[in-house]
Protein backbone atom coordinates (compact mmCIF):
# COMPACT_ATOMS: atom_id res chain seq x y z
CA MET A 1 -65.73 48.47 -15.81
CA THR A 2 -63.71 46.01 -13.85
CA PRO A 3 -60.98 44.12 -15.61
CA PRO A 4 -61.54 40.40 -15.88
CA GLU A 5 -59.85 38.36 -13.26
CA GLN A 6 -56.71 36.70 -14.54
CA SER A 7 -56.13 33.13 -13.61
CA PRO A 8 -52.77 32.47 -11.99
CA ALA A 9 -50.08 31.19 -14.28
CA PRO A 10 -49.68 27.44 -14.13
CA GLN A 11 -46.74 26.41 -12.01
CA PRO A 12 -44.29 23.98 -13.57
CA GLN A 13 -44.56 20.52 -12.13
CA THR A 14 -41.41 19.25 -10.48
CA THR A 15 -40.75 15.57 -10.29
CA LEU A 16 -38.55 14.41 -7.45
CA ALA A 17 -35.80 12.08 -8.50
CA PRO A 18 -35.95 8.70 -6.83
CA VAL A 19 -33.54 8.45 -3.93
CA PHE A 20 -31.96 5.13 -3.03
CA SER A 21 -31.92 4.06 0.57
CA PRO A 22 -28.54 3.78 2.30
CA GLY A 23 -28.73 0.00 2.10
CA ALA A 24 -29.43 0.09 -1.63
CA ARG A 25 -26.55 2.50 -2.22
CA MET A 26 -24.22 0.23 -0.28
CA LEU A 27 -25.29 -2.79 -2.33
CA LEU A 28 -24.73 -0.88 -5.57
CA THR A 29 -21.31 0.24 -4.37
CA LEU A 30 -20.33 -3.30 -3.42
CA ALA A 31 -21.56 -4.65 -6.75
CA ALA A 32 -19.56 -2.05 -8.68
CA SER A 33 -16.49 -2.80 -6.55
CA VAL A 34 -16.75 -6.52 -7.28
CA VAL A 35 -16.90 -5.82 -11.02
CA VAL A 36 -13.89 -3.47 -10.89
CA LEU A 37 -11.80 -5.80 -8.71
CA GLY A 38 -12.69 -8.74 -10.95
CA GLY A 39 -11.32 -6.83 -13.92
CA VAL A 40 -8.17 -5.98 -11.97
CA MET A 41 -7.65 -9.65 -11.07
CA PHE A 42 -8.13 -10.67 -14.71
CA ALA A 43 -5.41 -8.22 -15.83
CA GLN A 44 -3.12 -8.53 -12.79
CA GLU A 45 -0.07 -9.43 -14.89
CA LEU A 46 -0.40 -6.04 -16.60
CA ILE A 47 -1.75 -3.96 -13.73
CA GLY A 48 0.81 -5.15 -11.16
CA PRO A 49 3.87 -3.73 -12.97
CA LEU A 50 1.80 -0.70 -13.96
CA LEU A 51 1.07 0.11 -10.31
CA LEU A 52 4.69 -0.48 -9.38
CA GLY A 53 5.73 1.98 -12.07
CA ALA A 54 3.23 4.54 -10.78
CA VAL A 55 4.62 4.25 -7.25
CA ILE A 56 8.17 4.68 -8.54
CA VAL A 57 7.05 7.82 -10.38
CA ILE A 58 5.48 9.21 -7.18
CA ILE A 59 8.73 8.56 -5.31
CA CYS A 60 11.03 10.10 -7.93
CA LEU A 61 8.98 13.00 -9.31
CA PRO A 62 9.85 15.52 -6.50
CA VAL A 63 13.42 15.56 -7.85
CA ARG A 64 12.21 17.51 -10.89
CA ALA A 65 10.93 20.71 -9.23
CA PRO A 66 14.20 21.73 -7.46
CA LEU A 67 16.16 21.17 -10.66
CA VAL A 68 13.79 23.40 -12.63
CA ARG A 69 14.05 26.12 -9.96
CA ARG A 70 17.84 26.01 -10.30
CA GLY A 71 17.57 26.77 -13.99
CA TRP A 72 17.72 23.30 -15.49
CA PRO A 73 15.79 22.84 -18.74
CA SER A 74 12.55 20.94 -18.36
CA TRP A 75 13.80 18.03 -20.49
CA ALA A 76 16.98 17.71 -18.40
CA ALA A 77 15.05 17.64 -15.11
CA THR A 78 12.69 15.04 -16.55
CA THR A 79 15.66 12.97 -17.71
CA MET A 80 17.04 12.94 -14.16
CA VAL A 81 13.69 11.67 -12.86
CA ILE A 82 13.72 8.90 -15.48
CA LEU A 83 17.29 7.91 -14.59
CA LEU A 84 16.49 7.84 -10.86
CA GLY A 85 13.43 5.65 -11.46
CA TYR A 86 15.44 3.31 -13.66
CA LEU A 87 18.20 3.16 -11.06
CA ILE A 88 15.77 2.11 -8.31
CA LEU A 89 14.10 -0.54 -10.47
CA ALA A 90 17.41 -1.84 -11.82
CA ALA A 91 18.78 -2.19 -8.29
CA LEU A 92 15.64 -4.02 -7.16
CA ALA A 93 15.72 -6.34 -10.18
CA ALA A 94 19.44 -7.03 -9.69
CA MET A 95 18.92 -7.91 -6.02
CA LEU A 96 16.05 -10.28 -6.84
CA TRP A 97 17.96 -11.90 -9.69
CA PHE A 98 21.07 -12.39 -7.53
CA ALA A 99 19.04 -13.81 -4.65
CA GLY A 100 17.12 -16.19 -6.93
CA ALA A 101 20.22 -17.45 -8.76
CA ARG A 102 22.22 -17.89 -5.55
CA PHE A 103 19.29 -19.65 -3.90
CA ILE A 104 18.94 -22.15 -6.77
CA ASP A 105 22.68 -22.90 -6.72
CA MET A 106 22.55 -23.45 -2.98
CA VAL A 107 19.60 -25.87 -3.27
CA MET A 108 21.43 -27.86 -5.94
CA ASP A 109 24.56 -28.08 -3.76
CA LEU A 110 22.64 -29.09 -0.63
CA GLY A 111 20.28 -31.55 -2.36
CA PRO A 112 21.32 -34.69 -0.41
CA GLU A 113 21.33 -32.86 2.93
CA LEU A 114 17.87 -31.46 2.21
CA GLN A 115 16.52 -34.92 1.40
CA ALA A 116 18.02 -36.41 4.55
CA THR A 117 16.69 -33.59 6.74
CA ALA A 118 13.23 -33.85 5.19
CA GLN A 119 13.13 -37.60 5.81
CA GLY A 120 14.35 -37.16 9.38
CA LEU A 121 11.71 -34.49 10.01
CA PHE A 122 9.02 -36.76 8.59
CA ASP A 123 10.10 -39.66 10.83
CA GLN A 124 10.15 -37.38 13.88
CA LEU A 125 6.66 -36.03 13.21
CA ASP A 126 5.36 -39.53 12.51
CA SER A 127 6.77 -40.76 15.83
CA TRP A 128 4.84 -37.99 17.58
CA GLY A 129 1.59 -39.38 16.16
CA LEU A 130 1.01 -36.64 13.58
CA GLU A 131 -1.13 -37.68 10.62
CA GLN A 132 0.84 -38.83 7.60
CA SER A 133 -0.61 -36.18 5.29
CA ALA A 134 0.36 -33.37 7.68
CA ALA A 135 3.83 -34.85 8.17
CA ASP A 136 4.29 -35.07 4.39
CA THR A 137 3.28 -31.42 4.04
CA VAL A 138 5.73 -30.21 6.68
CA ALA A 139 8.59 -32.35 5.41
CA GLY A 140 7.82 -31.32 1.84
CA LEU A 141 8.86 -27.77 2.67
CA LEU A 142 12.47 -28.97 2.59
CA SER A 143 12.23 -30.96 -0.63
CA PRO A 144 14.54 -29.64 -3.40
CA SER A 145 11.67 -29.38 -5.89
CA THR A 146 9.67 -27.14 -3.54
CA LEU A 147 12.66 -24.92 -2.83
CA LEU A 148 13.51 -24.67 -6.53
CA GLY A 149 9.95 -23.48 -7.10
CA TYR A 150 10.53 -20.69 -4.58
CA GLY A 151 13.67 -19.68 -6.46
CA ALA A 152 11.78 -19.60 -9.74
CA SER A 153 9.11 -17.37 -8.19
CA ILE A 154 11.83 -14.92 -7.14
CA GLY A 155 13.03 -14.86 -10.74
CA SER A 156 9.52 -14.14 -12.01
CA SER A 157 9.30 -11.22 -9.58
CA ALA A 158 12.48 -9.84 -11.13
CA LEU A 159 10.84 -10.07 -14.56
CA ASN A 160 7.83 -8.13 -13.26
CA VAL A 161 10.18 -5.41 -12.07
CA LEU A 162 11.81 -5.26 -15.51
CA MET A 163 8.37 -4.98 -17.13
CA ALA A 164 7.70 -1.95 -14.95
CA LEU A 165 10.62 -0.13 -16.59
CA PHE A 166 8.47 0.60 -19.63
CA PHE A 167 5.66 2.01 -17.53
CA VAL A 168 8.05 4.22 -15.55
CA LEU A 169 9.44 5.66 -18.78
CA ALA A 170 5.98 6.28 -20.22
CA TYR A 171 4.54 7.74 -17.00
CA VAL A 172 7.38 10.16 -16.40
CA ILE A 173 7.29 11.41 -20.00
CA PHE A 174 3.52 11.92 -19.92
CA MET A 175 3.56 13.52 -16.46
CA ALA A 176 6.38 15.86 -17.46
CA ALA A 177 4.48 16.89 -20.59
CA ASP A 178 1.31 17.59 -18.60
CA ALA A 179 3.01 19.12 -15.54
CA GLY A 180 2.63 22.69 -16.80
CA ARG A 181 -1.05 22.15 -17.55
CA TYR A 182 -1.79 20.55 -14.18
CA THR A 183 -0.25 23.48 -12.31
CA THR A 184 -2.92 25.77 -13.82
CA ALA A 185 -5.82 23.63 -12.57
CA GLU A 186 -6.64 26.00 -9.71
CA SER A 187 -6.62 29.09 -11.93
CA ALA A 188 -8.81 27.33 -14.50
CA PHE A 189 -11.42 25.96 -12.08
CA GLY A 190 -11.07 28.32 -9.13
CA GLU A 191 -10.71 27.48 -5.49
CA ARG A 192 -13.23 24.65 -5.69
CA ILE A 193 -10.55 22.37 -7.15
CA ARG A 194 -8.10 23.14 -4.33
CA PRO A 195 -9.34 20.39 -1.94
CA THR A 196 -8.95 17.74 -4.65
CA VAL A 197 -5.42 18.88 -5.47
CA ALA A 198 -4.58 18.97 -1.76
CA ARG A 199 -5.87 15.41 -1.26
CA PHE A 200 -3.57 14.01 -3.92
CA GLN A 201 -0.65 16.04 -2.63
CA VAL A 202 -1.20 14.52 0.81
CA TYR A 203 -1.46 11.06 -0.77
CA ASN A 204 1.80 11.45 -2.71
CA THR A 205 3.59 12.73 0.39
CA GLY A 206 2.31 9.80 2.46
CA VAL A 207 3.47 7.25 -0.13
CA ARG A 208 6.94 8.77 -0.30
CA ARG A 209 7.31 8.93 3.48
CA TYR A 210 6.11 5.34 3.82
CA TYR A 211 8.74 3.97 1.45
CA VAL A 212 11.51 6.13 2.88
CA VAL A 213 10.76 4.84 6.39
CA ASN A 214 10.55 1.21 5.23
CA ALA A 215 13.70 1.45 3.11
CA THR A 216 15.64 2.92 6.03
CA PHE A 217 14.55 0.32 8.55
CA GLY A 218 14.80 -2.44 5.94
CA ALA A 219 18.44 -1.58 5.27
CA ILE A 220 19.23 -1.62 8.99
CA VAL A 221 17.47 -4.97 9.49
CA ALA A 222 19.15 -6.48 6.41
CA VAL A 223 22.65 -5.50 7.55
CA VAL A 224 22.17 -6.76 11.11
CA ASP A 225 20.51 -10.04 10.03
CA GLY A 226 23.13 -10.66 7.35
CA LEU A 227 26.01 -10.13 9.77
CA ALA A 228 24.36 -12.38 12.36
CA LEU A 229 23.86 -15.19 9.82
CA TRP A 230 27.47 -14.81 8.68
CA VAL A 231 28.69 -15.15 12.27
CA LEU A 232 26.49 -18.24 12.73
CA SER A 233 27.94 -19.76 9.50
CA VAL A 234 24.56 -20.04 7.79
CA PRO A 235 25.06 -20.44 4.00
CA ALA A 236 24.29 -17.52 1.66
CA PRO A 237 23.86 -14.74 4.25
CA MET A 238 23.62 -12.13 1.46
CA VAL A 239 20.54 -13.87 0.05
CA TRP A 240 18.78 -13.78 3.39
CA ALA A 241 19.82 -10.16 3.97
CA ILE A 242 18.20 -9.22 0.63
CA LEU A 243 15.11 -11.22 1.60
CA ALA A 244 14.94 -9.37 4.94
CA PHE A 245 15.16 -6.02 3.12
CA VAL A 246 12.40 -6.88 0.61
CA THR A 247 10.04 -8.43 3.17
CA ASN A 248 10.37 -5.33 5.34
CA PHE A 249 8.05 -3.62 2.83
CA ILE A 250 5.32 -6.17 3.66
CA PRO A 251 3.44 -4.91 6.74
CA ASN A 252 2.98 -7.10 9.80
CA ILE A 253 3.87 -10.49 8.27
CA GLY A 254 7.10 -9.57 6.48
CA PHE A 255 9.18 -10.66 9.47
CA VAL A 256 7.66 -14.16 9.39
CA LEU A 257 8.24 -14.51 5.65
CA GLY A 258 11.84 -13.40 6.05
CA VAL A 259 12.81 -15.76 8.89
CA ILE A 260 11.39 -19.06 7.59
CA PRO A 261 13.92 -19.79 4.77
CA PRO A 262 17.13 -19.11 6.75
CA ALA A 263 15.72 -20.97 9.76
CA LEU A 264 14.98 -24.06 7.65
CA LEU A 265 18.42 -23.85 6.05
CA ALA A 266 19.99 -23.62 9.51
CA LEU A 267 18.11 -26.80 10.44
CA VAL A 268 19.63 -28.56 7.42
CA VAL A 269 23.26 -27.54 8.00
CA GLY A 270 23.40 -27.29 11.80
CA GLY A 271 20.42 -29.05 13.30
CA TRP A 272 17.93 -27.76 15.83
CA PRO A 273 20.41 -25.67 17.90
CA LEU A 274 21.44 -23.56 14.91
CA MET A 275 17.82 -23.18 13.80
CA LEU A 276 16.79 -21.93 17.24
CA ALA A 277 19.75 -19.54 17.29
CA VAL A 278 18.69 -18.03 13.94
CA ILE A 279 15.10 -17.63 15.13
CA ALA A 280 16.30 -16.01 18.36
CA VAL A 281 18.49 -13.50 16.51
CA TYR A 282 15.70 -12.60 14.10
CA CYS A 283 13.23 -12.18 16.94
CA VAL A 284 15.51 -9.86 18.89
CA VAL A 285 16.47 -7.72 15.89
CA ASN A 286 13.20 -7.66 13.99
CA VAL A 287 10.86 -7.39 16.96
CA THR A 288 12.89 -4.50 18.37
CA LEU A 289 13.03 -2.57 15.09
CA GLN A 290 9.90 -3.66 13.20
CA VAL A 291 7.45 -4.10 16.07
CA LEU A 292 8.54 -1.56 18.69
CA ILE A 293 10.15 1.29 16.71
CA GLN A 294 9.15 1.20 13.03
CA PRO A 295 5.32 1.17 13.47
CA LYS A 296 5.51 4.58 15.18
CA PHE A 297 7.20 6.13 12.13
CA VAL A 298 4.94 4.30 9.66
CA SER A 299 1.81 5.33 11.56
CA ASP A 300 2.87 8.97 11.45
CA ALA A 301 3.53 8.66 7.70
CA VAL A 302 0.30 6.98 6.52
CA ASN A 303 -2.24 7.08 9.41
CA LEU A 304 -3.48 3.52 8.88
CA SER A 305 -4.62 1.20 11.65
CA LEU A 306 -2.70 -2.03 12.21
CA THR A 307 -5.78 -4.11 11.46
CA LEU A 308 -6.36 -2.40 8.12
CA SER A 309 -2.65 -2.69 7.26
CA PHE A 310 -2.69 -6.43 7.91
CA PHE A 311 -5.92 -6.95 5.97
CA SER A 312 -4.64 -4.86 3.05
CA VAL A 313 -1.64 -7.19 2.60
CA ILE A 314 -3.89 -10.24 2.25
CA PHE A 315 -6.47 -8.45 0.12
CA TRP A 316 -4.14 -6.86 -2.44
CA THR A 317 -2.00 -9.99 -2.71
CA PHE A 318 -5.17 -11.87 -3.63
CA ILE A 319 -6.15 -9.19 -6.16
CA ILE A 320 -2.90 -8.46 -8.04
CA GLY A 321 -0.50 -11.19 -6.91
CA PRO A 322 2.81 -10.99 -5.00
CA LEU A 323 3.37 -7.32 -5.88
CA GLY A 324 0.18 -6.56 -3.95
CA ALA A 325 1.99 -7.34 -0.69
CA ILE A 326 4.57 -4.62 -1.36
CA LEU A 327 2.05 -2.14 -2.81
CA SER A 328 -0.70 -2.83 -0.26
CA ILE A 329 -0.30 0.37 1.76
CA PRO A 330 -0.17 2.79 -1.24
CA LEU A 331 -3.19 1.07 -2.81
CA THR A 332 -5.17 1.26 0.43
CA LEU A 333 -4.26 4.94 0.81
CA LEU A 334 -5.38 5.55 -2.78
CA VAL A 335 -8.77 3.93 -2.18
CA ARG A 336 -9.24 6.00 0.98
CA ALA A 337 -8.26 9.21 -0.83
CA LEU A 338 -10.71 8.55 -3.67
CA ILE A 339 -13.68 7.36 -1.60
CA LEU A 340 -13.46 8.83 1.90
CA ASP A 341 -11.29 11.96 1.80
CA GLY A 342 -13.20 15.14 1.10
CA ASP A 343 -16.53 13.71 2.30
CA PRO A 344 -17.55 15.23 5.67
CA GLY A 345 -20.05 12.42 6.19
CA ALA A 346 -17.26 9.84 6.01
CA ALA A 347 -15.17 11.40 8.78
CA TRP A 348 -15.89 8.56 11.16
CA LEU A 349 -14.87 5.99 8.50
CA ARG A 350 -11.54 7.77 8.06
CA TRP A 351 -11.06 7.74 11.83
CA LEU A 352 -11.90 4.02 11.82
CA SER A 353 -9.19 3.45 9.19
CA GLY A 354 -6.59 5.10 11.43
CA ASP A 355 -6.76 8.75 10.32
CA ASP A 356 -7.04 10.84 13.49
CA ASN A 357 -7.86 13.92 11.39
CA GLY A 358 -11.23 12.32 10.67
CA ALA A 359 -12.28 12.75 14.30
CA THR A 360 -11.25 16.42 14.24
CA GLU A 361 -13.22 17.08 11.05
CA GLY A 362 -16.20 15.20 12.45
CA ARG A 363 -16.26 17.39 15.57
CA THR A 364 -15.88 20.52 13.42
CA THR A 365 -18.78 19.49 11.17
CA ALA A 366 -20.99 18.72 14.16
CA THR A 367 -20.15 22.07 15.77
CA GLU A 368 -20.95 23.95 12.57
CA GLY A 369 -24.24 22.09 12.25
CA ARG A 370 -25.26 23.03 15.80
CA SER A 371 -24.29 26.67 15.27
CA GLU A 372 -26.35 26.87 12.07
CA THR A 373 -29.34 25.38 13.86
CA THR A 374 -29.00 27.87 16.72
CA THR A 375 -28.67 30.80 14.33
CA GLY A 376 -31.69 29.69 12.34
CA GLY A 377 -33.83 29.38 15.46
CA ALA A 378 -32.85 32.85 16.73
CA SER A 379 -33.67 34.59 13.46
CA ALA A 380 -37.28 33.41 13.35
CA PRO A 381 -38.69 35.95 15.88
CA GLU A 382 -36.95 38.81 14.09
CA THR A 383 -38.67 37.80 10.86
CA GLU A 384 -42.08 37.80 12.58
CA LEU A 385 -41.53 41.27 14.08
CA THR A 386 -40.46 42.66 10.75
CA ALA A 387 -43.57 41.26 9.12
CA GLU A 388 -45.81 42.86 11.78
CA GLU A 389 -44.32 46.36 11.49
CA PRO A 390 -46.33 47.42 8.41
CA SER A 391 -49.60 46.52 10.15
CA ARG A 392 -48.83 48.96 12.95
């Protein structure tokens, strides 16, 4: 008696998930980015100081670990970080407040001279055949009302810095409370979390090196420019030295923003010869330091291309306001760390952004792919021979 034939067990049906094409994924990514950036623009008055506070925390937090290793209590080390962050922000706010107040006083004192120079500039441009609207725009740069508006904007920047004090305090307290828990991330999740931790460590190191380099060169440029303006008898050289220091944190176009106000003031008090002398001094000092020397150190610190650095200034200023110009490089590095770093398929995009390590990783990935293909092709005959052995 033969047992009845059993029908094979039904195989579970698998449904393939729909896969978006690369173009569709790109459109979805762009749409999500527009929504996120729109929200950031809507809340820029809150997010700008918040981001500034976060950068200050990144700069100051390394002070905590050496103090703890030397036996300091955790609360004492955290207090030192808070004090250092407050010291940096207080110094920045004091410089901006002093520059804004001194600038407003200077405009009030030089009101008649500014009006006369603006009228003379308008007449000169009109005699050259320039359209009246364009001549009005150029001459309006020297009007007292326009210059007072610039001084008020400097004061508002100081208020933004003061607002960031609260965020620095909150961030440092929260980070200090969670520091012990974050150090156990690798033991809790295993080695798979190590690349993510390493990415953010690299990001934090890059941000700190970037600001150290810019602060060092900014201080040198500020001292040299201030002394040169003092020798040339340009009013308020301290104000323009502070402006040169602050604008040094703005990539590529900071030099232009820093030279325009003292050059216009030199035109008012000394005419065209003094204005040309100020521009010449700024070009020699700033081009030598900021164009020939500083980019080498900044490039080594952040690995960003000059084109992306320039675009990031315009983009982040449009998104979060004036603070975006100073925070443009850290924000661009953060976006690259979140989106591109850790993705082997995005190695060429990282290389395009200025990260030379992307090319190395891309070559490594391609080499590994070729080796796997070669190994897979060589193992096929061995499998066939093994399958034929029982038949012999």
